[in-house]
């Protein structure tokens, strides 16, 4: 809320994404990006 007030940004102009990184014992990590999660 403080950042919104300081920047003059409205809640309609932002979105919250969630990133998940799962490390494997071997091989590459698995990355998942949930856009607009909440």
C-alpha atoms as a PDB file:
ATOM      1  CA  UNK A   1       0.000   0.000   0.000  1.00  0.00           C
ATOM      2  CA  UNK A   2       2.842   2.367   0.807  1.00  0.00           C
ATOM      3  CA  UNK A   3       4.504   1.765  -2.585  1.00  0.00           C
ATOM      4  CA  UNK A   4       1.195   2.383  -4.383  1.00  0.00           C
ATOM      5  CA  UNK A   5       0.735   5.673  -2.526  1.00  0.00           C
ATOM      6  CA  UNK A   6       4.325   6.807  -3.083  1.00  0.00           C
ATOM      7  CA  UNK A   7       4.328   6.059  -6.818  1.00  0.00           C
ATOM      8  CA  UNK A   8       0.773   7.124  -7.601  1.00  0.00           C
ATOM      9  CA  UNK A   9       0.110   3.684  -9.081  1.00  0.00           C
ATOM     10  CA  UNK A  10      -3.412   2.316  -8.823  1.00  0.00           C
ATOM     11  CA  UNK A  11      -4.255  -1.285  -8.016  1.00  0.00           C
ATOM     12  CA  UNK A  12      -5.712  -1.681 -11.523  1.00  0.00           C
ATOM     13  CA  UNK A  13      -2.243  -1.112 -12.998  1.00  0.00           C
ATOM     14  CA  UNK A  14      -0.411  -3.917 -11.203  1.00  0.00           C
ATOM     15  CA  UNK A  15      -0.514  -7.693 -11.013  1.00  0.00           C
ATOM     16  CA  UNK A  16       1.116 -10.195  -8.705  1.00  0.00           C
ATOM     17  CA  UNK A  17       2.949 -13.132 -10.240  1.00  0.00           C
ATOM     18  CA  UNK A  18       4.279 -16.193  -8.436  1.00  0.00           C
ATOM     19  CA  UNK A  19       7.492 -17.952  -9.423  1.00  0.00           C
ATOM     20  CA  UNK A  20       8.371 -21.429  -8.278  1.00  0.00           C
ATOM     21  CA  UNK A  21      11.823 -22.957  -8.725  1.00  0.00           C
ATOM     22  CA  UNK A  22      12.217 -26.640  -7.934  1.00  0.00           C
ATOM     23  CA  UNK A  23      15.711 -28.060  -7.908  1.00  0.00           C
ATOM     24  CA  UNK A  24      16.251 -31.608  -9.087  1.00  0.00           C
ATOM     25  CA  UNK A  25      18.892 -34.020  -7.792  1.00  0.00           C
ATOM     26  CA  UNK A  26      20.155 -34.217 -11.354  1.00  0.00           C
ATOM     27  CA  UNK A  27      19.391 -32.179 -14.446  1.00  0.00           C
ATOM     28  CA  UNK A  28      17.932 -28.727 -14.818  1.00  0.00           C
ATOM     29  CA  UNK A  29      15.705 -26.952 -12.331  1.00  0.00           C
ATOM     30  CA  UNK A  30      11.978 -26.698 -13.058  1.00  0.00           C
ATOM     31  CA  UNK A  31      10.644 -23.122 -13.153  1.00  0.00           C
ATOM     32  CA  UNK A  32       6.927 -22.345 -13.115  1.00  0.00           C
ATOM     33  CA  UNK A  33       5.530 -18.825 -13.617  1.00  0.00           C
ATOM     34  CA  UNK A  34       1.939 -18.143 -12.587  1.00  0.00           C
ATOM     35  CA  UNK A  35       0.933 -14.801 -14.107  1.00  0.00           C
ATOM     36  CA  UNK A  36      -1.701 -12.817 -12.247  1.00  0.00           C
ATOM     37  CA  UNK A  37      -1.842 -15.315  -9.383  1.00  0.00           C
ATOM     38  CA  UNK A  38      -3.707 -12.839  -7.159  1.00  0.00           C
END
